[in-house]
Amino acid sequence: MLPDSAEYLLPGCLDLGLTLGTLQRGGSRDLTIRIESGRAWRASWTPEGPSTTFFELRPGTLRVEAWGPGARWALETAPTLLGLDDRPESFRPSHPLLFEIHRRHPGLRLGRTQAVFEALLPTVLEQKVPGVEARAAYATMVRALGESAPGDAGLTLPPTARRLLQTPYWTLHRYGIERRKAEVIRNAAAMAQRLNELALIGLDEARRRLLTIPGIGPWSAAEVAAAALGDRDAVSPGDYNLPNVVSWALAGEPRGSDARMLELLEPYRGHRARVIRLLAAAGITAPRHGPRMPLRQFARR
């Protein structure tokens, strides 16, 4: 099967790893995406069906190939996914650390997947648990409930809403997913079409509607808005580590609160999601003075 293809002029630097890295929600075991130097493959459900998309950086251009029923849609939306409409050069931070990190990572672009339900699945799994636990649960769920993606890249599509609705709770429990989260996932699956339609409306209204979904609070809504809706100002309140990272990086304070984090990020309103991504790209962490969040064990049935 020959892929559809397109080529786009790059408006500036593009780092595929930094730009697409946040979509690798299952860690190194994530079968929905693979990123290499200057190349990446991603499997996703589009409004026109499943697709596998291949991205390759060339001098001054981006080569895109796509397979599957959703190939045309994937090609047309590739610039949006990769943030080619983003203008990172408009970000001019006065903080010396941010200025230097931004200078070192000019290829970080903030795009949007437009796949709200897909973004919601790993987000629910990440609620109030260590990242390693959430990544393992998502990777295991994809491997067990996903299906082979189009093409020969060896990727797996995320589970469909139909498959999740047909999957009883105790099966999800085997993948390290507790009952409450399983219920949130199944409830979201029942409204998957309406969730994906949020990508077609205004950002403020989309965020408001996300907050009406049982089990989705401000943290989850912000995470989904950043990934799927292209909210370049998204800040996730209630995060376990983020207030400490921001406070340490921007004020030299090893511990922070949501209020302090928002205060420090206020001068960068409109770019707050970019600040957070830059701090993550630089690998900045706050000093540890307390116990880590413990990993939990689930019974296997």
C-alpha atoms as a PDB file:
ATOM      1  CA  MET A   1       0.000   0.000   0.000  1.00  0.00           C
ATOM      2  CA  LEU A   2       1.557   3.262  -1.149  1.00  0.00           C
ATOM      3  CA  PRO A   3       1.227   6.218   1.225  1.00  0.00           C
ATOM      4  CA  ASP A   4      -0.252   9.597   0.464  1.00  0.00           C
ATOM      5  CA  SER A   5       2.366  12.303   0.836  1.00  0.00           C
ATOM      6  CA  ALA A   6       2.878  16.043   1.136  1.00  0.00           C
ATOM      7  CA  GLU A   7       5.729  18.449   1.746  1.00  0.00           C
ATOM      8  CA  TYR A   8       5.574  21.663   3.761  1.00  0.00           C
ATOM      9  CA  LEU A   9       7.945  24.587   3.962  1.00  0.00           C
ATOM     10  CA  LEU A  10       9.205  25.108   7.500  1.00  0.00           C
ATOM     11  CA  PRO A  11       8.614  28.611   8.928  1.00  0.00           C
ATOM     12  CA  GLY A  12      11.615  28.177  11.213  1.00  0.00           C
ATOM     13  CA  CYS A  13      13.211  25.530  13.402  1.00  0.00           C
ATOM     14  CA  LEU A  14      11.315  22.344  14.204  1.00  0.00           C
ATOM     15  CA  ASP A  15      12.449  19.729  16.706  1.00  0.00           C
ATOM     16  CA  LEU A  16      10.248  16.651  16.225  1.00  0.00           C
ATOM     17  CA  GLY A  17      11.323  15.107  19.509  1.00  0.00           C
ATOM     18  CA  LEU A  18      10.480  18.152  21.614  1.00  0.00           C
ATOM     19  CA  THR A  19       7.297  18.935  19.713  1.00  0.00           C
ATOM     20  CA  LEU A  20       5.830  15.415  19.615  1.00  0.00           C
ATOM     21  CA  GLY A  21       7.469  14.063  22.759  1.00  0.00           C
ATOM     22  CA  THR A  22       4.569  14.955  25.031  1.00  0.00           C
ATOM     23  CA  LEU A  23       2.323  12.654  22.965  1.00  0.00           C
ATOM     24  CA  GLN A  24       4.439   9.639  23.961  1.00  0.00           C
ATOM     25  CA  ARG A  25       2.273   8.994  26.994  1.00  0.00           C
ATOM     26  CA  GLY A  26       3.238   5.351  27.434  1.00  0.00           C
ATOM     27  CA  GLY A  27       6.921   6.130  27.766  1.00  0.00           C
ATOM     28  CA  SER A  28       9.430   4.029  25.837  1.00  0.00           C
ATOM     29  CA  ARG A  29       6.850   1.229  25.568  1.00  0.00           C
ATOM     30  CA  ASP A  30       4.274   3.422  23.831  1.00  0.00           C
ATOM     31  CA  LEU A  31       3.292   1.651  20.610  1.00  0.00           C
ATOM     32  CA  THR A  32       1.246   4.571  19.262  1.00  0.00           C
ATOM     33  CA  ILE A  33       4.259   6.729  18.421  1.00  0.00           C
ATOM     34  CA  ARG A  34       7.939   6.361  17.634  1.00  0.00           C
ATOM     35  CA  ILE A  35      10.417   9.234  17.505  1.00  0.00           C
ATOM     36  CA  GLU A  36      13.926   9.113  16.103  1.00  0.00           C
ATOM     37  CA  SER A  37      16.417  11.797  15.127  1.00  0.00           C
ATOM     38  CA  GLY A  38      14.689  13.915  12.502  1.00  0.00           C
ATOM     39  CA  ARG A  39      11.909  11.368  11.963  1.00  0.00           C
ATOM     40  CA  ALA A  40       8.724  10.278  13.707  1.00  0.00           C
ATOM     41  CA  TRP A  41       5.780   7.940  13.202  1.00  0.00           C
ATOM     42  CA  ARG A  42       2.370   8.373  14.859  1.00  0.00           C
ATOM     43  CA  ALA A  43      -0.769   6.211  14.840  1.00  0.00           C
ATOM     44  CA  SER A  44      -4.094   7.874  15.549  1.00  0.00           C
ATOM     45  CA  TRP A  45      -7.809   7.776  14.857  1.00  0.00           C
ATOM     46  CA  THR A  46      -8.969  10.654  12.656  1.00  0.00           C
ATOM     47  CA  PRO A  47     -12.521  11.761  11.781  1.00  0.00           C
ATOM     48  CA  GLU A  48     -12.045   9.772   8.550  1.00  0.00           C
ATOM     49  CA  GLY A  49     -10.636   6.608  10.115  1.00  0.00           C
ATOM     50  CA  PRO A  50      -7.307   5.239  11.333  1.00  0.00           C
ATOM     51  CA  SER A  51      -3.998   6.550  10.058  1.00  0.00           C
ATOM     52  CA  THR A  52      -0.286   6.186  10.489  1.00  0.00           C
ATOM     53  CA  THR A  53       1.676   9.349   9.755  1.00  0.00           C
ATOM     54  CA  PHE A  54       5.395   9.572   9.068  1.00  0.00           C
ATOM     55  CA  PHE A  55       7.288  12.849   9.483  1.00  0.00           C
ATOM     56  CA  GLU A  56      10.782  13.520   8.147  1.00  0.00           C
ATOM     57  CA  LEU A  57      12.765  16.718   8.426  1.00  0.00           C
ATOM     58  CA  ARG A  58      14.592  17.830   5.301  1.00  0.00           C
ATOM     59  CA  PRO A  59      16.546  21.038   4.676  1.00  0.00           C
ATOM     60  CA  GLY A  60      13.922  23.772   4.988  1.00  0.00           C
ATOM     61  CA  THR A  61      10.993  21.385   4.536  1.00  0.00           C
ATOM     62  CA  LEU A  62       8.944  18.726   6.276  1.00  0.00           C
ATOM     63  CA  ARG A  63       8.078  15.549   4.370  1.00  0.00           C
ATOM     64  CA  VAL A  64       4.863  13.854   5.519  1.00  0.00           C
ATOM     65  CA  GLU A  65       3.521  10.464   4.457  1.00  0.00           C
ATOM     66  CA  ALA A  66       0.331   8.823   5.682  1.00  0.00           C
ATOM     67  CA  TRP A  67      -1.388   5.460   5.369  1.00  0.00           C
ATOM     68  CA  GLY A  68      -4.941   4.317   6.018  1.00  0.00           C
ATOM     69  CA  PRO A  69      -8.462   5.708   5.591  1.00  0.00           C
ATOM     70  CA  GLY A  70      -7.496   8.776   7.640  1.00  0.00           C
ATOM     71  CA  ALA A  71      -4.419   9.551   5.526  1.00  0.00           C
ATOM     72  CA  ARG A  72      -5.859  12.599   3.760  1.00  0.00           C
ATOM     73  CA  TRP A  73      -6.986  14.160   7.048  1.00  0.00           C
ATOM     74  CA  ALA A  74      -3.635  13.392   8.676  1.00  0.00           C
ATOM     75  CA  LEU A  75      -1.733  15.067   5.830  1.00  0.00           C
ATOM     76  CA  GLU A  76      -3.902  18.167   5.859  1.00  0.00           C
ATOM     77  CA  THR A  77      -3.621  18.621   9.622  1.00  0.00           C
ATOM     78  CA  ALA A  78       0.095  17.798   9.941  1.00  0.00           C
ATOM     79  CA  PRO A  79       1.070  21.507  10.090  1.00  0.00           C
ATOM     80  CA  THR A  80      -1.409  22.022  12.938  1.00  0.00           C
ATOM     81  CA  LEU A  81      -0.192  18.951  14.807  1.00  0.00           C
ATOM     82  CA  LEU A  82       3.408  20.154  14.605  1.00  0.00           C
ATOM     83  CA  GLY A  83       2.655  23.778  15.443  1.00  0.00           C
ATOM     84  CA  LEU A  84       3.865  25.245  12.168  1.00  0.00           C
ATOM     85  CA  ASP A  85       1.465  28.103  12.899  1.00  0.00           C
ATOM     86  CA  ASP A  86       3.114  28.616  16.290  1.00  0.00           C
ATOM     87  CA  ARG A  87       5.410  31.617  16.642  1.00  0.00           C
ATOM     88  CA  PRO A  88       7.988  30.738  19.300  1.00  0.00           C
ATOM     89  CA  GLU A  89      10.061  33.740  18.232  1.00  0.00           C
ATOM     90  CA  SER A  90       7.362  35.989  19.710  1.00  0.00           C
ATOM     91  CA  PHE A  91       8.285  34.700  23.159  1.00  0.00           C
ATOM     92  CA  ARG A  92      10.888  37.026  24.656  1.00  0.00           C
ATOM     93  CA  PRO A  93      11.369  36.125  28.315  1.00  0.00           C
ATOM     94  CA  SER A  94      13.236  38.501  30.581  1.00  0.00           C
ATOM     95  CA  HIS A  95      14.187  35.780  33.068  1.00  0.00           C
ATOM     96  CA  PRO A  96      17.813  34.764  32.326  1.00  0.00           C
ATOM     97  CA  LEU A  97      17.163  31.048  32.726  1.00  0.00           C
ATOM     98  CA  LEU A  98      14.099  31.040  30.477  1.00  0.00           C
ATOM     99  CA  PHE A  99      15.899  33.179  27.933  1.00  0.00           C
ATOM    100  CA  GLU A 100      18.755  30.666  27.755  1.00  0.00           C
ATOM    101  CA  ILE A 101      16.522  27.588  27.599  1.00  0.00           C
ATOM    102  CA  HIS A 102      14.417  29.184  24.879  1.00  0.00           C
ATOM    103  CA  ARG A 103      17.569  30.058  22.935  1.00  0.00           C
ATOM    104  CA  ARG A 104      18.792  26.471  23.175  1.00  0.00           C
ATOM    105  CA  HIS A 105      15.471  24.937  22.085  1.00  0.00           C
ATOM    106  CA  PRO A 106      14.203  27.032  19.156  1.00  0.00           C
ATOM    107  CA  GLY A 107      12.581  23.972  17.581  1.00  0.00           C
ATOM    108  CA  LEU A 108       9.979  23.486  20.321  1.00  0.00           C
ATOM    109  CA  ARG A 109       6.575  24.187  18.790  1.00  0.00           C
ATOM    110  CA  LEU A 110       3.174  23.885  20.437  1.00  0.00           C
ATOM    111  CA  GLY A 111       0.634  22.181  18.205  1.00  0.00           C
ATOM    112  CA  ARG A 112      -2.620  20.323  18.699  1.00  0.00           C
ATOM    113  CA  THR A 113      -3.795  16.815  17.857  1.00  0.00           C
ATOM    114  CA  GLN A 114      -7.521  17.686  17.656  1.00  0.00           C
ATOM    115  CA  ALA A 115      -8.113  14.174  19.071  1.00  0.00           C
ATOM    116  CA  VAL A 116      -9.759  15.031  22.385  1.00  0.00           C
ATOM    117  CA  PHE A 117     -10.829  11.529  23.412  1.00  0.00           C
ATOM    118  CA  GLU A 118      -7.368  10.125  22.660  1.00  0.00           C
ATOM    119  CA  ALA A 119      -5.790  12.832  24.798  1.00  0.00           C
ATOM    120  CA  LEU A 120      -8.235  12.192  27.616  1.00  0.00           C
ATOM    121  CA  LEU A 121      -7.371   8.488  28.000  1.00  0.00           C
ATOM    122  CA  PRO A 122      -3.766   8.834  29.244  1.00  0.00           C
ATOM    123  CA  THR A 123      -4.694  11.999  31.125  1.00  0.00           C
ATOM    124  CA  VAL A 124      -7.200  10.102  33.274  1.00  0.00           C
ATOM    125  CA  LEU A 125      -4.585   7.444  33.978  1.00  0.00           C
ATOM    126  CA  GLU A 126      -2.129  10.134  35.111  1.00  0.00           C
ATOM    127  CA  GLN A 127      -4.473  11.582  37.732  1.00  0.00           C
ATOM    128  CA  LYS A 128      -2.819  11.570  41.179  1.00  0.00           C
ATOM    129  CA  VAL A 129      -0.350   8.751  40.544  1.00  0.00           C
ATOM    130  CA  PRO A 130       3.387   8.583  39.812  1.00  0.00           C
ATOM    131  CA  GLY A 131       4.173   9.073  36.152  1.00  0.00           C
ATOM    132  CA  VAL A 132       5.858   5.678  35.829  1.00  0.00           C
ATOM    133  CA  GLU A 133       2.662   3.963  36.977  1.00  0.00           C
ATOM    134  CA  ALA A 134       0.481   5.912  34.545  1.00  0.00           C
ATOM    135  CA  ARG A 135       2.815   5.303  31.603  1.00  0.00           C
ATOM    136  CA  ALA A 136       2.892   1.575  32.287  1.00  0.00           C
ATOM    137  CA  ALA A 137      -0.912   1.410  32.525  1.00  0.00           C
ATOM    138  CA  TYR A 138      -1.405   3.276  29.250  1.00  0.00           C
ATOM    139  CA  ALA A 139       1.186   1.224  27.366  1.00  0.00           C
ATOM    140  CA  THR A 140      -0.348  -2.015  28.631  1.00  0.00           C
ATOM    141  CA  MET A 141      -3.883  -0.901  27.764  1.00  0.00           C
ATOM    142  CA  VAL A 142      -2.857   0.062  24.226  1.00  0.00           C
ATOM    143  CA  ARG A 143      -1.079  -3.246  23.720  1.00  0.00           C
ATOM    144  CA  ALA A 144      -4.073  -5.231  24.961  1.00  0.00           C
ATOM    145  CA  LEU A 145      -7.003  -3.279  23.508  1.00  0.00           C
ATOM    146  CA  GLY A 146      -5.564  -1.391  20.533  1.00  0.00           C
ATOM    147  CA  GLU A 147      -5.366  -2.688  16.971  1.00  0.00           C
ATOM    148  CA  SER A 148      -2.641  -2.656  14.352  1.00  0.00           C
ATOM    149  CA  ALA A 149      -2.184   0.723  12.687  1.00  0.00           C
ATOM    150  CA  PRO A 150      -2.167   1.065   8.878  1.00  0.00           C
ATOM    151  CA  GLY A 151       1.137   0.686   7.061  1.00  0.00           C
ATOM    152  CA  ASP A 152       4.172  -1.309   8.089  1.00  0.00           C
ATOM    153  CA  ALA A 153       5.601   0.893  10.865  1.00  0.00           C
ATOM    154  CA  GLY A 154       4.605  -1.657  13.503  1.00  0.00           C
ATOM    155  CA  LEU A 155       2.521   0.804  15.519  1.00  0.00           C
ATOM    156  CA  THR A 156      -0.707   0.200  17.412  1.00  0.00           C
ATOM    157  CA  LEU A 157      -3.751   2.467  17.416  1.00  0.00           C
ATOM    158  CA  PRO A 158      -5.146   3.667  20.758  1.00  0.00           C
ATOM    159  CA  PRO A 159      -8.226   1.732  21.906  1.00  0.00           C
ATOM    160  CA  THR A 160     -11.484   2.860  20.353  1.00  0.00           C
ATOM    161  CA  ALA A 161     -14.373   4.128  22.428  1.00  0.00           C
ATOM    162  CA  ARG A 162     -16.407   1.086  21.318  1.00  0.00           C
ATOM    163  CA  ARG A 163     -13.732  -1.334  22.508  1.00  0.00           C
ATOM    164  CA  LEU A 164     -13.457   0.396  25.872  1.00  0.00           C
ATOM    165  CA  LEU A 165     -17.222   0.333  26.365  1.00  0.00           C
ATOM    166  CA  GLN A 166     -17.194  -3.399  25.665  1.00  0.00           C
ATOM    167  CA  THR A 167     -14.393  -3.998  28.165  1.00  0.00           C
ATOM    168  CA  PRO A 168     -15.525  -4.759  31.742  1.00  0.00           C
ATOM    169  CA  TYR A 169     -13.907  -3.054  34.689  1.00  0.00           C
ATOM    170  CA  TRP A 170     -12.035  -6.099  35.932  1.00  0.00           C
ATOM    171  CA  THR A 171     -10.192  -6.377  32.618  1.00  0.00           C
ATOM    172  CA  LEU A 172      -8.943  -2.779  32.933  1.00  0.00           C
ATOM    173  CA  HIS A 173      -7.935  -3.591  36.498  1.00  0.00           C
ATOM    174  CA  ARG A 174      -5.431  -6.117  35.122  1.00  0.00           C
ATOM    175  CA  TYR A 175      -3.667  -3.260  33.363  1.00  0.00           C
ATOM    176  CA  GLY A 176      -3.193  -1.324  36.600  1.00  0.00           C
ATOM    177  CA  ILE A 177      -6.314   0.843  36.227  1.00  0.00           C
ATOM    178  CA  GLU A 178      -8.384   1.307  39.371  1.00  0.00           C
ATOM    179  CA  ARG A 179     -12.156   1.161  39.307  1.00  0.00           C
ATOM    180  CA  ARG A 180     -12.787   4.909  39.604  1.00  0.00           C
ATOM    181  CA  LYS A 181     -10.582   5.662  36.625  1.00  0.00           C
ATOM    182  CA  ALA A 182     -12.116   2.811  34.669  1.00  0.00           C
ATOM    183  CA  GLU A 183     -15.532   4.368  35.229  1.00  0.00           C
ATOM    184  CA  VAL A 184     -14.280   7.802  34.110  1.00  0.00           C
ATOM    185  CA  ILE A 185     -12.806   6.227  30.970  1.00  0.00           C
ATOM    186  CA  ARG A 186     -15.979   4.321  30.133  1.00  0.00           C
ATOM    187  CA  ASN A 187     -18.092   7.427  30.711  1.00  0.00           C
ATOM    188  CA  ALA A 188     -15.816   9.421  28.403  1.00  0.00           C
ATOM    189  CA  ALA A 189     -15.980   6.637  25.816  1.00  0.00           C
ATOM    190  CA  ALA A 190     -19.774   6.918  25.801  1.00  0.00           C
ATOM    191  CA  MET A 191     -19.444  10.569  24.723  1.00  0.00           C
ATOM    192  CA  ALA A 192     -16.326  10.217  22.560  1.00  0.00           C
ATOM    193  CA  GLN A 193     -17.886  11.817  19.492  1.00  0.00           C
ATOM    194  CA  ARG A 194     -19.021  14.860  21.457  1.00  0.00           C
ATOM    195  CA  LEU A 195     -15.592  15.123  23.033  1.00  0.00           C
ATOM    196  CA  ASN A 196     -13.837  15.165  19.668  1.00  0.00           C
ATOM    197  CA  GLU A 197     -16.226  17.865  18.460  1.00  0.00           C
ATOM    198  CA  LEU A 198     -14.721  20.170  21.108  1.00  0.00           C
ATOM    199  CA  ALA A 199     -11.780  20.651  18.732  1.00  0.00           C
ATOM    200  CA  LEU A 200     -14.161  22.509  16.401  1.00  0.00           C
ATOM    201  CA  ILE A 201     -15.349  25.164  18.859  1.00  0.00           C
ATOM    202  CA  GLY A 202     -13.729  28.014  20.763  1.00  0.00           C
ATOM    203  CA  LEU A 203     -11.077  27.168  23.327  1.00  0.00           C
ATOM    204  CA  ASP A 204     -12.840  28.786  26.291  1.00  0.00           C
ATOM    205  CA  GLU A 205     -16.097  26.942  25.617  1.00  0.00           C
ATOM    206  CA  ALA A 206     -14.252  23.671  25.016  1.00  0.00           C
ATOM    207  CA  ARG A 207     -12.516  23.955  28.392  1.00  0.00           C
ATOM    208  CA  ARG A 208     -15.835  24.754  30.074  1.00  0.00           C
ATOM    209  CA  ARG A 209     -17.441  21.649  28.595  1.00  0.00           C
ATOM    210  CA  LEU A 210     -14.506  19.460  29.597  1.00  0.00           C
ATOM    211  CA  LEU A 211     -15.063  20.495  33.203  1.00  0.00           C
ATOM    212  CA  THR A 212     -18.666  19.219  33.075  1.00  0.00           C
ATOM    213  CA  ILE A 213     -17.493  15.628  32.519  1.00  0.00           C
ATOM    214  CA  PRO A 214     -17.546  13.530  35.715  1.00  0.00           C
ATOM    215  CA  GLY A 215     -14.009  12.826  36.878  1.00  0.00           C
ATOM    216  CA  ILE A 216     -12.457  15.671  34.852  1.00  0.00           C
ATOM    217  CA  GLY A 217     -11.226  18.567  36.951  1.00  0.00           C
ATOM    218  CA  PRO A 218      -9.063  21.617  36.223  1.00  0.00           C
ATOM    219  CA  TRP A 219      -5.828  19.593  36.035  1.00  0.00           C
ATOM    220  CA  SER A 220      -7.192  17.117  33.500  1.00  0.00           C
ATOM    221  CA  ALA A 221      -8.948  19.812  31.478  1.00  0.00           C
ATOM    222  CA  ALA A 222      -5.706  21.798  31.199  1.00  0.00           C
ATOM    223  CA  GLU A 223      -3.719  18.726  30.135  1.00  0.00           C
ATOM    224  CA  VAL A 224      -6.241  17.851  27.419  1.00  0.00           C
ATOM    225  CA  ALA A 225      -6.508  21.477  26.270  1.00  0.00           C
ATOM    226  CA  ALA A 226      -2.731  21.682  25.842  1.00  0.00           C
ATOM    227  CA  ALA A 227      -2.420  18.430  23.882  1.00  0.00           C
ATOM    228  CA  ALA A 228      -5.586  18.314  21.800  1.00  0.00           C
ATOM    229  CA  LEU A 229      -6.828  21.902  21.608  1.00  0.00           C
ATOM    230  CA  GLY A 230      -3.567  23.803  21.253  1.00  0.00           C
ATOM    231  CA  ASP A 231      -3.925  25.877  24.415  1.00  0.00           C
ATOM    232  CA  ARG A 232      -0.526  27.576  24.552  1.00  0.00           C
ATOM    233  CA  ASP A 233      -1.386  29.195  27.869  1.00  0.00           C
ATOM    234  CA  ALA A 234      -2.503  26.016  29.685  1.00  0.00           C
ATOM    235  CA  VAL A 235      -1.372  25.549  33.282  1.00  0.00           C
ATOM    236  CA  SER A 236      -2.349  22.400  35.195  1.00  0.00           C
ATOM    237  CA  PRO A 237      -3.362  23.269  38.781  1.00  0.00           C
ATOM    238  CA  GLY A 238      -3.018  20.607  41.428  1.00  0.00           C
ATOM    239  CA  ASP A 239       0.009  18.951  39.834  1.00  0.00           C
ATOM    240  CA  TYR A 240       2.205  17.062  42.297  1.00  0.00           C
ATOM    241  CA  ASN A 241       5.548  18.423  41.051  1.00  0.00           C
ATOM    242  CA  LEU A 242       4.902  21.384  38.753  1.00  0.00           C
ATOM    243  CA  PRO A 243       4.553  24.156  41.401  1.00  0.00           C
ATOM    244  CA  ASN A 244       7.891  23.108  42.878  1.00  0.00           C
ATOM    245  CA  VAL A 245       9.614  23.043  39.488  1.00  0.00           C
ATOM    246  CA  VAL A 246       8.319  26.494  38.530  1.00  0.00           C
ATOM    247  CA  SER A 247       9.143  27.999  41.924  1.00  0.00           C
ATOM    248  CA  TRP A 248      12.641  26.544  41.896  1.00  0.00           C
ATOM    249  CA  ALA A 249      13.404  27.565  38.303  1.00  0.00           C
ATOM    250  CA  LEU A 250      11.980  31.077  38.407  1.00  0.00           C
ATOM    251  CA  ALA A 251      12.502  32.092  42.036  1.00  0.00           C
ATOM    252  CA  GLY A 252      15.031  29.672  43.551  1.00  0.00           C
ATOM    253  CA  GLU A 253      12.409  28.419  45.994  1.00  0.00           C
ATOM    254  CA  PRO A 254      12.496  24.620  46.458  1.00  0.00           C
ATOM    255  CA  ARG A 255       8.806  24.401  47.291  1.00  0.00           C
ATOM    256  CA  GLY A 256       5.836  26.144  45.730  1.00  0.00           C
ATOM    257  CA  SER A 257       2.060  26.179  45.691  1.00  0.00           C
ATOM    258  CA  ASP A 258      -0.436  26.620  42.887  1.00  0.00           C
ATOM    259  CA  ALA A 259      -0.854  30.260  43.902  1.00  0.00           C
ATOM    260  CA  ARG A 260       2.905  30.885  43.860  1.00  0.00           C
ATOM    261  CA  MET A 261       3.274  29.080  40.537  1.00  0.00           C
ATOM    262  CA  LEU A 262       0.570  31.210  38.922  1.00  0.00           C
ATOM    263  CA  GLU A 263       2.143  34.349  40.352  1.00  0.00           C
ATOM    264  CA  LEU A 264       5.532  33.489  38.834  1.00  0.00           C
ATOM    265  CA  LEU A 265       4.007  32.541  35.483  1.00  0.00           C
ATOM    266  CA  GLU A 266       1.802  35.641  35.228  1.00  0.00           C
ATOM    267  CA  PRO A 267       4.401  37.744  33.307  1.00  0.00           C
ATOM    268  CA  TYR A 268       4.316  35.054  30.608  1.00  0.00           C
ATOM    269  CA  ARG A 269       0.552  34.872  30.176  1.00  0.00           C
ATOM    270  CA  GLY A 270      -0.211  33.676  26.682  1.00  0.00           C
ATOM    271  CA  HIS A 271       2.969  31.588  26.733  1.00  0.00           C
ATOM    272  CA  ARG A 272       2.620  29.794  30.063  1.00  0.00           C
ATOM    273  CA  ALA A 273       2.376  26.345  28.490  1.00  0.00           C
ATOM    274  CA  ARG A 274       5.555  27.134  26.564  1.00  0.00           C
ATOM    275  CA  VAL A 275       7.356  28.056  29.787  1.00  0.00           C
ATOM    276  CA  ILE A 276       6.343  24.745  31.339  1.00  0.00           C
ATOM    277  CA  ARG A 277       7.458  22.792  28.273  1.00  0.00           C
ATOM    278  CA  LEU A 278      10.792  24.617  28.193  1.00  0.00           C
ATOM    279  CA  LEU A 279      11.467  23.811  31.840  1.00  0.00           C
ATOM    280  CA  ALA A 280      10.695  20.161  31.107  1.00  0.00           C
ATOM    281  CA  ALA A 281      12.937  20.209  28.029  1.00  0.00           C
ATOM    282  CA  ALA A 282      15.779  21.502  30.191  1.00  0.00           C
ATOM    283  CA  GLY A 283      15.239  18.692  32.689  1.00  0.00           C
ATOM    284  CA  ILE A 284      14.782  21.078  35.603  1.00  0.00           C
ATOM    285  CA  THR A 285      13.565  19.504  38.837  1.00  0.00           C
ATOM    286  CA  ALA A 286      13.200  20.908  42.326  1.00  0.00           C
ATOM    287  CA  PRO A 287      15.367  19.568  45.182  1.00  0.00           C
ATOM    288  CA  ARG A 288      13.766  16.609  46.923  1.00  0.00           C
ATOM    289  CA  HIS A 289      13.160  17.036  50.645  1.00  0.00           C
ATOM    290  CA  GLY A 290      10.386  14.542  51.121  1.00  0.00           C
ATOM    291  CA  PRO A 291       9.278  11.056  50.136  1.00  0.00           C
ATOM    292  CA  ARG A 292       8.333  10.325  46.574  1.00  0.00           C
ATOM    293  CA  MET A 293       4.747   9.440  45.772  1.00  0.00           C
ATOM    294  CA  PRO A 294       4.604   5.665  46.360  1.00  0.00           C
ATOM    295  CA  LEU A 295       3.863   3.210  43.585  1.00  0.00           C
ATOM    296  CA  ARG A 296       0.751   1.157  44.183  1.00  0.00           C
ATOM    297  CA  GLN A 297       0.111  -2.527  43.556  1.00  0.00           C
ATOM    298  CA  PHE A 298      -3.044  -3.902  41.973  1.00  0.00           C
ATOM    299  CA  ALA A 299      -4.257  -7.443  42.386  1.00  0.00           C
ATOM    300  CA  ARG A 300      -4.190  -9.517  39.207  1.00  0.00           C
ATOM    301  CA  ARG A 301      -7.236 -11.545  38.324  1.00  0.00           C
END
